[in-house]
Amino acid sequence: MSEKHVKVIERAGPKGFVAVLAYIGAAIYFIQQSNGGFWEVILALLQAAVWPVYVVYHVLLTLGA
């Protein structure tokens, strides 16, 4: 039997890098806005993960969709 090799090329690297930078920036912003307590920081990290959802929601509301 001959072995077959499959070459997988992943080209999502730059998009992932931009997403990570956006998350880090949002996390820094939300942590600075918190009081610095443990649960406030945890909430800030969660807010940093879901802020794009709120942006899209409000843009759709503005567009009347």
Protein backbone atom coordinates (compact mmCIF):
# COMPACT_ATOMS: atom_id res chain seq x y z
CA MET A 1 0.00 0.00 0.00
CA SER A 2 1.15 3.47 -0.73
CA GLU A 3 0.80 6.23 1.82
CA LYS A 4 -1.03 9.37 0.85
CA HIS A 5 -0.07 12.69 2.39
CA VAL A 6 -2.51 15.52 2.73
CA LYS A 7 -1.15 19.03 2.98
CA VAL A 8 -3.42 21.42 4.89
CA ILE A 9 -2.85 25.13 4.44
CA GLU A 10 -4.45 27.38 7.04
CA ARG A 11 -4.73 31.00 5.98
CA ALA A 12 -6.70 32.40 8.93
CA GLY A 13 -3.62 33.53 10.83
CA PRO A 14 -3.89 37.29 10.28
CA LYS A 15 -7.61 37.31 11.14
CA GLY A 16 -6.96 35.41 14.34
CA PHE A 17 -4.16 37.79 15.26
CA VAL A 18 -6.43 40.80 14.79
CA ALA A 19 -9.14 39.11 16.87
CA VAL A 20 -6.70 38.43 19.71
CA LEU A 21 -5.46 42.03 19.63
CA ALA A 22 -9.05 43.29 19.73
CA TYR A 23 -9.81 41.04 22.71
CA ILE A 24 -6.70 42.18 24.58
CA GLY A 25 -7.52 45.83 23.93
CA ALA A 26 -11.12 45.37 25.06
CA ALA A 27 -9.99 43.45 28.15
CA ILE A 28 -7.61 46.25 29.11
CA TYR A 29 -10.35 48.84 28.61
CA PHE A 30 -12.98 46.97 30.64
CA ILE A 31 -10.54 46.08 33.43
CA GLN A 32 -9.56 49.76 33.73
CA GLN A 33 -13.25 50.66 34.04
CA SER A 34 -13.78 48.15 36.87
CA ASN A 35 -13.05 48.65 40.57
CA GLY A 36 -10.31 46.02 40.49
CA GLY A 37 -12.09 43.40 42.58
CA PHE A 38 -11.88 39.75 41.60
CA TRP A 39 -15.44 39.40 40.27
CA GLU A 40 -15.29 42.79 38.56
CA VAL A 41 -12.21 41.66 36.64
CA ILE A 42 -13.90 38.37 35.71
CA LEU A 43 -16.93 40.34 34.47
CA ALA A 44 -14.62 42.66 32.53
CA LEU A 45 -13.01 39.69 30.77
CA LEU A 46 -16.44 38.34 29.86
CA GLN A 47 -17.48 41.75 28.55
CA ALA A 48 -14.33 41.86 26.44
CA ALA A 49 -15.31 38.55 24.86
CA VAL A 50 -18.87 39.58 23.91
CA TRP A 51 -18.64 43.32 23.11
CA PRO A 52 -18.81 42.75 19.32
CA VAL A 53 -22.30 41.29 19.79
CA TYR A 54 -23.51 44.54 21.35
CA VAL A 55 -21.95 46.59 18.56
CA VAL A 56 -23.65 44.55 15.84
CA TYR A 57 -26.95 44.68 17.71
CA HIS A 58 -26.89 48.46 18.02
CA VAL A 59 -25.78 48.93 14.41
CA LEU A 60 -28.73 46.78 13.27
CA LEU A 61 -31.08 48.79 15.47
CA THR A 62 -29.76 52.01 13.96
CA LEU A 63 -30.25 50.64 10.44
CA GLY A 64 -33.82 49.64 11.30
CA ALA A 65 -33.31 45.95 10.69
